[in-house]
Amino acid sequence: MLELIAANMTIFWIVLVIIFAVVEAMTAGLTCIWFGVGAVAALISAFFGAAIWLQFVWFFVISIASLLLTRPLVRKYVDSVKQPTNADMVIGRTALVIEDIDNIAATGAVSVGGKEWTARSDTGARILSGEVVTVLRIDGVKLIVAPAGSAEGGDDR
């Protein structure tokens, strides 16, 4: 009976390693690779005939140790790279209002860097066509702007 349980534990750990590998492959970031490493350690202990409780101890100890030792490095080198988009380059620049900006009517457009953008006023105040504004931020696909005299900005139209 004990041999049957030991054989089943080997299968259990192999299945667990495969599950963790599949889940890891389906995610964009490293999410459960540490538990896969722990399952491999438990599988090795099962091959050597370790008691079931010891297999679980190995699983948890190795999983937690690998998580604590490698997660900070992974976060530093994988998650730290932030790629700004081309759209971010308009923040802080000045733009020319080409359609009256009226938040209540949900209208308004500006031209910045040779491109036309939908725009909304930061304060909700109406801004007339022909005025110069400064781009404060991007909200979805709309630029949030303020009159150029009321916000710091560049001089790139």
N, C-alpha and C. Protein backbone atom coordinates (compact mmCIF):
# COMPACT_ATOMS: atom_id res chain seq x y z
N MET A 1 0.83 -1.20 0.00
CA MET A 1 0.00 0.00 0.00
C MET A 1 0.87 1.27 0.00
N LEU A 2 1.93 1.24 0.79
CA LEU A 2 2.83 2.39 0.89
C LEU A 2 3.53 2.65 -0.45
N GLU A 3 3.86 1.57 -1.18
CA GLU A 3 4.50 1.73 -2.49
C GLU A 3 3.54 2.37 -3.48
N LEU A 4 2.26 2.02 -3.39
CA LEU A 4 1.26 2.60 -4.27
C LEU A 4 1.13 4.10 -4.03
N ILE A 5 1.13 4.49 -2.76
CA ILE A 5 1.05 5.92 -2.42
C ILE A 5 2.30 6.64 -2.93
N ALA A 6 3.48 6.03 -2.74
CA ALA A 6 4.73 6.64 -3.20
C ALA A 6 4.71 6.82 -4.71
N ALA A 7 4.22 5.82 -5.45
CA ALA A 7 4.14 5.92 -6.91
C ALA A 7 3.16 7.01 -7.31
N ASN A 8 2.06 7.11 -6.59
CA ASN A 8 1.09 8.16 -6.88
C ASN A 8 1.65 9.54 -6.59
N MET A 9 2.49 9.67 -5.58
CA MET A 9 3.09 10.97 -5.27
C MET A 9 4.03 11.40 -6.39
N THR A 10 4.74 10.44 -6.98
CA THR A 10 5.61 10.78 -8.10
C THR A 10 4.77 11.32 -9.26
N ILE A 11 3.68 10.65 -9.55
CA ILE A 11 2.78 11.12 -10.60
C ILE A 11 2.19 12.49 -10.22
N PHE A 12 1.81 12.64 -8.96
CA PHE A 12 1.26 13.90 -8.46
C PHE A 12 2.24 15.05 -8.71
N TRP A 13 3.52 14.85 -8.37
CA TRP A 13 4.51 15.92 -8.53
C TRP A 13 4.78 16.20 -10.00
N ILE A 14 4.79 15.16 -10.85
CA ILE A 14 5.00 15.36 -12.28
C ILE A 14 3.85 16.19 -12.86
N VAL A 15 2.63 15.84 -12.48
CA VAL A 15 1.46 16.59 -12.95
C VAL A 15 1.53 18.03 -12.47
N LEU A 16 1.93 18.22 -11.22
CA LEU A 16 2.03 19.58 -10.67
C LEU A 16 3.09 20.40 -11.42
N VAL A 17 4.23 19.79 -11.73
CA VAL A 17 5.28 20.49 -12.49
C VAL A 17 4.73 20.90 -13.86
N ILE A 18 4.01 20.00 -14.51
CA ILE A 18 3.44 20.31 -15.83
C ILE A 18 2.41 21.44 -15.72
N ILE A 19 1.56 21.39 -14.71
CA ILE A 19 0.55 22.44 -14.53
C ILE A 19 1.22 23.79 -14.33
N PHE A 20 2.24 23.84 -13.45
CA PHE A 20 2.93 25.11 -13.22
C PHE A 20 3.63 25.60 -14.49
N ALA A 21 4.20 24.68 -15.27
CA ALA A 21 4.87 25.07 -16.51
C ALA A 21 3.86 25.63 -17.52
N VAL A 22 2.70 25.01 -17.63
CA VAL A 22 1.68 25.48 -18.56
C VAL A 22 1.16 26.85 -18.13
N VAL A 23 0.87 27.00 -16.85
CA VAL A 23 0.38 28.29 -16.35
C VAL A 23 1.43 29.37 -16.57
N GLU A 24 2.68 29.04 -16.32
CA GLU A 24 3.76 30.01 -16.53
C GLU A 24 3.87 30.40 -18.00
N ALA A 25 3.71 29.43 -18.89
CA ALA A 25 3.80 29.71 -20.32
C ALA A 25 2.63 30.56 -20.80
N MET A 26 1.50 30.49 -20.12
CA MET A 26 0.31 31.23 -20.55
C MET A 26 0.28 32.66 -20.00
N THR A 27 1.17 33.00 -19.10
CA THR A 27 1.16 34.34 -18.52
C THR A 27 2.30 35.18 -19.09
N ALA A 28 2.12 36.49 -19.05
CA ALA A 28 3.12 37.40 -19.61
C ALA A 28 4.33 37.54 -18.69
N GLY A 29 4.11 37.55 -17.39
CA GLY A 29 5.21 37.71 -16.45
C GLY A 29 5.46 36.43 -15.70
N LEU A 30 6.51 36.44 -14.90
CA LEU A 30 6.80 35.26 -14.09
C LEU A 30 5.82 35.23 -12.92
N THR A 31 4.97 34.22 -12.88
CA THR A 31 3.94 34.16 -11.85
C THR A 31 4.06 32.95 -10.94
N CYS A 32 4.40 31.80 -11.49
CA CYS A 32 4.40 30.60 -10.65
C CYS A 32 5.59 29.70 -10.91
N ILE A 33 6.62 30.21 -11.51
CA ILE A 33 7.79 29.40 -11.79
C ILE A 33 8.44 28.88 -10.51
N TRP A 34 8.33 29.66 -9.45
CA TRP A 34 8.93 29.28 -8.18
C TRP A 34 8.27 28.03 -7.61
N PHE A 35 6.98 27.90 -7.82
CA PHE A 35 6.27 26.72 -7.33
C PHE A 35 6.60 25.52 -8.21
N GLY A 36 6.89 25.76 -9.47
CA GLY A 36 7.36 24.68 -10.34
C GLY A 36 8.70 24.16 -9.87
N VAL A 37 9.59 25.05 -9.46
CA VAL A 37 10.89 24.65 -8.91
C VAL A 37 10.68 23.84 -7.63
N GLY A 38 9.76 24.28 -6.79
CA GLY A 38 9.46 23.54 -5.56
C GLY A 38 8.89 22.15 -5.86
N ALA A 39 8.06 22.08 -6.89
CA ALA A 39 7.49 20.78 -7.28
C ALA A 39 8.57 19.85 -7.81
N VAL A 40 9.53 20.39 -8.54
CA VAL A 40 10.66 19.57 -9.01
C VAL A 40 11.46 19.05 -7.82
N ALA A 41 11.69 19.91 -6.83
CA ALA A 41 12.42 19.46 -5.62
C ALA A 41 11.65 18.35 -4.91
N ALA A 42 10.34 18.49 -4.80
CA ALA A 42 9.52 17.45 -4.17
C ALA A 42 9.53 16.18 -5.01
N LEU A 43 9.53 16.31 -6.32
CA LEU A 43 9.59 15.15 -7.21
C LEU A 43 10.90 14.38 -7.01
N ILE A 44 11.99 15.12 -6.90
CA ILE A 44 13.29 14.48 -6.67
C ILE A 44 13.28 13.74 -5.33
N SER A 45 12.71 14.38 -4.31
CA SER A 45 12.64 13.70 -3.01
C SER A 45 11.73 12.48 -3.08
N ALA A 46 10.69 12.51 -3.89
CA ALA A 46 9.82 11.34 -4.07
C ALA A 46 10.58 10.22 -4.76
N PHE A 47 11.43 10.55 -5.74
CA PHE A 47 12.25 9.53 -6.40
C PHE A 47 13.16 8.81 -5.41
N PHE A 48 13.64 9.54 -4.43
CA PHE A 48 14.53 8.95 -3.44
C PHE A 48 13.78 8.32 -2.27
N GLY A 49 12.46 8.27 -2.36
CA GLY A 49 11.65 7.58 -1.36
C GLY A 49 11.40 8.36 -0.09
N ALA A 50 11.45 9.66 -0.15
CA ALA A 50 11.20 10.48 1.05
C ALA A 50 9.74 10.34 1.48
N ALA A 51 9.51 10.52 2.75
CA ALA A 51 8.14 10.47 3.28
C ALA A 51 7.30 11.58 2.66
N ILE A 52 6.01 11.35 2.60
CA ILE A 52 5.11 12.32 1.96
C ILE A 52 5.20 13.68 2.65
N TRP A 53 5.25 13.69 3.97
CA TRP A 53 5.33 14.97 4.68
C TRP A 53 6.61 15.70 4.31
N LEU A 54 7.71 14.95 4.11
CA LEU A 54 8.98 15.57 3.75
C LEU A 54 8.93 16.13 2.32
N GLN A 55 8.20 15.45 1.43
CA GLN A 55 8.03 15.95 0.07
C GLN A 55 7.32 17.30 0.08
N PHE A 56 6.28 17.40 0.90
CA PHE A 56 5.56 18.68 0.99
C PHE A 56 6.42 19.76 1.65
N VAL A 57 7.23 19.37 2.62
CA VAL A 57 8.14 20.34 3.24
C VAL A 57 9.12 20.86 2.19
N TRP A 58 9.69 19.95 1.40
CA TRP A 58 10.61 20.36 0.34
C TRP A 58 9.91 21.30 -0.64
N PHE A 59 8.68 20.93 -1.02
CA PHE A 59 7.92 21.77 -1.95
C PHE A 59 7.78 23.19 -1.43
N PHE A 60 7.31 23.32 -0.19
CA PHE A 60 7.07 24.66 0.36
C PHE A 60 8.37 25.41 0.63
N VAL A 61 9.36 24.74 1.17
CA VAL A 61 10.63 25.41 1.50
C VAL A 61 11.33 25.90 0.23
N ILE A 62 11.43 25.03 -0.76
CA ILE A 62 12.12 25.42 -2.00
C ILE A 62 11.32 26.48 -2.76
N SER A 63 10.00 26.35 -2.78
CA SER A 63 9.17 27.36 -3.46
C SER A 63 9.35 28.72 -2.82
N ILE A 64 9.24 28.78 -1.50
CA ILE A 64 9.36 30.06 -0.79
C ILE A 64 10.77 30.61 -0.91
N ALA A 65 11.78 29.75 -0.76
CA ALA A 65 13.17 30.21 -0.86
C ALA A 65 13.47 30.76 -2.26
N SER A 66 13.05 30.04 -3.29
CA SER A 66 13.32 30.54 -4.65
C SER A 66 12.54 31.83 -4.93
N LEU A 67 11.34 31.93 -4.39
CA LEU A 67 10.55 33.16 -4.56
C LEU A 67 11.24 34.33 -3.87
N LEU A 68 11.65 34.14 -2.64
CA LEU A 68 12.29 35.23 -1.89
C LEU A 68 13.64 35.62 -2.47
N LEU A 69 14.38 34.65 -2.99
CA LEU A 69 15.71 34.95 -3.51
C LEU A 69 15.71 35.56 -4.91
N THR A 70 14.74 35.18 -5.74
CA THR A 70 14.79 35.64 -7.13
C THR A 70 13.76 36.70 -7.48
N ARG A 71 12.68 36.79 -6.77
CA ARG A 71 11.62 37.75 -7.12
C ARG A 71 12.12 39.20 -7.17
N PRO A 72 12.92 39.64 -6.19
CA PRO A 72 13.41 41.03 -6.29
C PRO A 72 14.25 41.28 -7.55
N LEU A 73 15.07 40.30 -7.94
CA LEU A 73 15.88 40.46 -9.15
C LEU A 73 15.00 40.47 -10.39
N VAL A 74 14.02 39.60 -10.41
CA VAL A 74 13.11 39.55 -11.56
C VAL A 74 12.35 40.86 -11.69
N ARG A 75 11.85 41.38 -10.59
CA ARG A 75 11.11 42.66 -10.63
C ARG A 75 12.01 43.79 -11.11
N LYS A 76 13.26 43.76 -10.67
CA LYS A 76 14.19 44.83 -11.03
C LYS A 76 14.48 44.83 -12.53
N TYR A 77 14.70 43.64 -13.10
CA TYR A 77 15.13 43.59 -14.49
C TYR A 77 14.00 43.36 -15.49
N VAL A 78 12.90 42.76 -15.08
CA VAL A 78 11.81 42.47 -16.02
C VAL A 78 10.74 43.54 -15.97
N ASP A 79 10.27 43.89 -14.79
CA ASP A 79 9.15 44.81 -14.65
C ASP A 79 9.56 46.27 -14.70
N SER A 80 10.85 46.58 -14.61
CA SER A 80 11.27 47.98 -14.50
C SER A 80 11.32 48.71 -15.83
N VAL A 81 11.34 47.99 -16.93
CA VAL A 81 11.46 48.63 -18.23
C VAL A 81 10.08 49.15 -18.64
N LYS A 82 9.97 50.46 -18.70
CA LYS A 82 8.72 51.08 -19.13
C LYS A 82 9.01 51.82 -20.42
N GLN A 83 8.31 51.43 -21.45
CA GLN A 83 8.51 52.03 -22.75
C GLN A 83 7.49 53.13 -22.97
N PRO A 84 7.93 54.37 -23.02
CA PRO A 84 6.97 55.43 -23.31
C PRO A 84 6.48 55.32 -24.75
N THR A 85 5.25 55.69 -24.96
CA THR A 85 4.70 55.66 -26.31
C THR A 85 4.95 56.99 -26.98
N ASN A 86 4.75 57.02 -28.27
CA ASN A 86 4.89 58.28 -29.00
C ASN A 86 3.90 59.31 -28.50
N ALA A 87 2.73 58.85 -28.07
CA ALA A 87 1.71 59.77 -27.58
C ALA A 87 2.20 60.53 -26.35
N ASP A 88 3.00 59.89 -25.51
CA ASP A 88 3.51 60.55 -24.31
C ASP A 88 4.37 61.77 -24.64
N MET A 89 4.89 61.83 -25.83
CA MET A 89 5.76 62.93 -26.21
C MET A 89 5.01 64.25 -26.33
N VAL A 90 3.68 64.22 -26.43
CA VAL A 90 2.93 65.47 -26.56
C VAL A 90 2.68 66.13 -25.21
N ILE A 91 2.86 65.38 -24.14
CA ILE A 91 2.62 65.95 -22.80
C ILE A 91 3.62 67.08 -22.55
N GLY A 92 3.10 68.23 -22.15
CA GLY A 92 3.94 69.39 -21.87
C GLY A 92 4.12 70.30 -23.08
N ARG A 93 3.71 69.86 -24.24
CA ARG A 93 3.86 70.68 -25.45
C ARG A 93 2.67 71.61 -25.60
N THR A 94 2.86 72.64 -26.42
CA THR A 94 1.75 73.54 -26.70
C THR A 94 1.02 73.04 -27.94
N ALA A 95 -0.26 73.36 -28.00
CA ALA A 95 -1.09 72.92 -29.11
C ALA A 95 -2.01 74.07 -29.51
N LEU A 96 -2.48 74.01 -30.75
CA LEU A 96 -3.40 75.01 -31.26
C LEU A 96 -4.80 74.40 -31.28
N VAL A 97 -5.75 75.10 -30.67
CA VAL A 97 -7.13 74.62 -30.64
C VAL A 97 -7.71 74.82 -32.04
N ILE A 98 -8.18 73.73 -32.67
CA ILE A 98 -8.74 73.82 -34.02
C ILE A 98 -10.25 73.61 -34.02
N GLU A 99 -10.81 73.22 -32.89
CA GLU A 99 -12.26 73.12 -32.70
C GLU A 99 -12.54 73.51 -31.26
N ASP A 100 -13.51 74.39 -31.04
CA ASP A 100 -13.82 74.84 -29.68
C ASP A 100 -13.88 73.65 -28.71
N ILE A 101 -13.22 73.80 -27.58
CA ILE A 101 -13.24 72.76 -26.57
C ILE A 101 -14.35 73.06 -25.58
N ASP A 102 -15.30 72.17 -25.49
CA ASP A 102 -16.44 72.31 -24.59
C ASP A 102 -16.71 70.93 -23.97
N ASN A 103 -16.32 70.76 -22.71
CA ASN A 103 -16.47 69.47 -22.05
C ASN A 103 -17.92 69.03 -21.95
N ILE A 104 -18.82 69.96 -21.72
CA ILE A 104 -20.24 69.61 -21.57
C ILE A 104 -20.80 69.08 -22.89
N ALA A 105 -20.44 69.72 -24.00
CA ALA A 105 -20.91 69.27 -25.31
C ALA A 105 -20.06 68.13 -25.86
N ALA A 106 -18.99 67.78 -25.16
CA ALA A 106 -18.07 66.72 -25.58
C ALA A 106 -17.49 67.01 -26.97
N THR A 107 -17.04 68.26 -27.16
CA THR A 107 -16.42 68.65 -28.42
C THR A 107 -15.06 69.25 -28.13
N GLY A 108 -14.25 69.29 -29.15
CA GLY A 108 -12.95 69.94 -29.03
C GLY A 108 -11.86 69.13 -29.69
N ALA A 109 -10.96 69.85 -30.34
CA ALA A 109 -9.82 69.22 -30.99
C ALA A 109 -8.66 70.20 -30.99
N VAL A 110 -7.46 69.64 -30.95
CA VAL A 110 -6.26 70.45 -31.00
C VAL A 110 -5.31 69.84 -32.03
N SER A 111 -4.38 70.66 -32.48
CA SER A 111 -3.32 70.19 -33.36
C SER A 111 -2.01 70.34 -32.60
N VAL A 112 -1.30 69.24 -32.47
CA VAL A 112 -0.01 69.27 -31.78
C VAL A 112 0.93 68.33 -32.54
N GLY A 113 2.10 68.86 -32.87
CA GLY A 113 3.07 68.05 -33.60
C GLY A 113 2.58 67.59 -34.95
N GLY A 114 1.71 68.36 -35.57
CA GLY A 114 1.19 68.00 -36.88
C GLY A 114 0.08 66.97 -36.85
N LYS A 115 -0.35 66.57 -35.68
CA LYS A 115 -1.42 65.58 -35.53
C LYS A 115 -2.63 66.22 -34.88
N GLU A 116 -3.80 65.74 -35.25
CA GLU A 116 -5.04 66.23 -34.66
C GLU A 116 -5.47 65.27 -33.55
N TRP A 117 -5.82 65.86 -32.40
CA TRP A 117 -6.25 65.09 -31.24
C TRP A 117 -7.59 65.63 -30.73
N THR A 118 -8.41 64.73 -30.21
CA THR A 118 -9.58 65.15 -29.46
C THR A 118 -9.06 65.73 -28.15
N ALA A 119 -9.68 66.79 -27.67
CA ALA A 119 -9.18 67.43 -26.46
C ALA A 119 -10.32 67.82 -25.53
N ARG A 120 -9.99 67.86 -24.25
CA ARG A 120 -10.91 68.33 -23.22
C ARG A 120 -10.14 69.28 -22.30
N SER A 121 -10.88 70.22 -21.74
CA SER A 121 -10.30 71.21 -20.84
C SER A 121 -10.08 70.58 -19.46
N ASP A 122 -8.97 70.89 -18.86
CA ASP A 122 -8.65 70.38 -17.53
C ASP A 122 -9.61 70.94 -16.48
N THR A 123 -9.98 72.19 -16.63
CA THR A 123 -10.83 72.84 -15.63
C THR A 123 -12.31 72.78 -16.00
N GLY A 124 -12.61 72.38 -17.22
CA GLY A 124 -13.99 72.38 -17.67
C GLY A 124 -14.38 73.67 -18.36
N ALA A 125 -13.48 74.65 -18.33
CA ALA A 125 -13.77 75.94 -18.97
C ALA A 125 -13.72 75.77 -20.49
N ARG A 126 -14.54 76.53 -21.18
CA ARG A 126 -14.59 76.47 -22.63
C ARG A 126 -13.36 77.19 -23.19
N ILE A 127 -12.74 76.57 -24.21
CA ILE A 127 -11.56 77.16 -24.86
C ILE A 127 -11.90 77.30 -26.34
N LEU A 128 -11.74 78.49 -26.86
CA LEU A 128 -12.16 78.78 -28.23
C LEU A 128 -11.09 78.39 -29.25
N SER A 129 -11.57 78.14 -30.45
CA SER A 129 -10.69 77.80 -31.57
C SER A 129 -9.70 78.94 -31.81
N GLY A 130 -8.47 78.58 -32.11
CA GLY A 130 -7.43 79.58 -32.35
C GLY A 130 -6.56 79.86 -31.14
N GLU A 131 -7.01 79.46 -29.94
CA GLU A 131 -6.21 79.69 -28.75
C GLU A 131 -5.09 78.65 -28.65
N VAL A 132 -4.06 79.02 -27.91
CA VAL A 132 -2.95 78.11 -27.68
C VAL A 132 -3.11 77.50 -26.30
N VAL A 133 -2.93 76.19 -26.22
CA VAL A 133 -3.09 75.47 -24.95
C VAL A 133 -1.84 74.62 -24.70
N THR A 134 -1.73 74.17 -23.47
CA THR A 134 -0.65 73.26 -23.10
C THR A 134 -1.25 71.90 -22.77
N VAL A 135 -0.64 70.85 -23.28
CA VAL A 135 -1.11 69.49 -23.02
C VAL A 135 -0.62 69.08 -21.63
N LEU A 136 -1.58 68.75 -20.76
CA LEU A 136 -1.23 68.35 -19.39
C LEU A 136 -1.07 66.84 -19.24
N ARG A 137 -1.97 66.08 -19.87
CA ARG A 137 -1.92 64.63 -19.75
C ARG A 137 -2.79 64.02 -20.84
N ILE A 138 -2.75 62.70 -20.92
CA ILE A 138 -3.59 61.96 -21.85
C ILE A 138 -4.57 61.13 -21.04
N ASP A 139 -5.84 61.21 -21.40
CA ASP A 139 -6.88 60.43 -20.74
C ASP A 139 -7.56 59.59 -21.82
N GLY A 140 -7.18 58.33 -21.92
CA GLY A 140 -7.68 57.47 -22.99
C GLY A 140 -7.11 57.94 -24.31
N VAL A 141 -7.97 58.42 -25.21
CA VAL A 141 -7.52 58.93 -26.51
C VAL A 141 -7.68 60.44 -26.60
N LYS A 142 -7.94 61.08 -25.47
CA LYS A 142 -8.13 62.53 -25.45
C LYS A 142 -6.97 63.21 -24.73
N LEU A 143 -6.61 64.37 -25.23
CA LEU A 143 -5.63 65.19 -24.54
C LEU A 143 -6.36 66.08 -23.55
N ILE A 144 -5.84 66.18 -22.36
CA ILE A 144 -6.37 67.11 -21.35
C ILE A 144 -5.47 68.33 -21.40
N VAL A 145 -6.08 69.47 -21.68
CA VAL A 145 -5.30 70.69 -21.93
C VAL A 145 -5.75 71.82 -21.02
N ALA A 146 -4.89 72.83 -20.94
CA ALA A 146 -5.20 74.06 -20.21
C ALA A 146 -4.66 75.22 -21.05
N PRO A 147 -5.28 76.38 -20.95
CA PRO A 147 -4.75 77.54 -21.69
C PRO A 147 -3.26 77.72 -21.41
N ALA A 148 -2.50 78.05 -22.43
CA ALA A 148 -1.03 78.10 -22.33
C ALA A 148 -0.56 79.02 -21.22
N GLY A 149 -1.26 80.08 -20.93
CA GLY A 149 -0.83 80.99 -19.87
C GLY A 149 -1.03 80.42 -18.47
N SER A 150 -1.85 79.36 -18.33
CA SER A 150 -2.16 78.84 -17.00
C SER A 150 -1.39 77.58 -16.67
N ALA A 151 -0.58 77.07 -17.59
CA ALA A 151 0.18 75.84 -17.34
C ALA A 151 1.55 75.96 -17.96
N GLU A 152 2.52 75.28 -17.36
CA GLU A 152 3.88 75.27 -17.90
C GLU A 152 3.90 74.35 -19.10
N GLY A 153 4.59 74.72 -20.13
CA GLY A 153 4.67 73.86 -21.31
C GLY A 153 5.77 74.29 -22.23
N GLY A 154 6.00 73.45 -23.25
CA GLY A 154 7.04 73.74 -24.24
C GLY A 154 6.49 74.67 -25.30
N ASP A 155 7.28 74.85 -26.36
CA ASP A 155 6.87 75.74 -27.44
C ASP A 155 6.89 74.98 -28.76
N ASP A 156 6.35 73.74 -28.75
CA ASP A 156 6.37 72.92 -29.95
C ASP A 156 4.95 72.71 -30.46
N ARG A 157 4.62 73.34 -31.54
CA ARG A 157 3.28 73.16 -32.11
C ARG A 157 3.31 72.17 -33.22
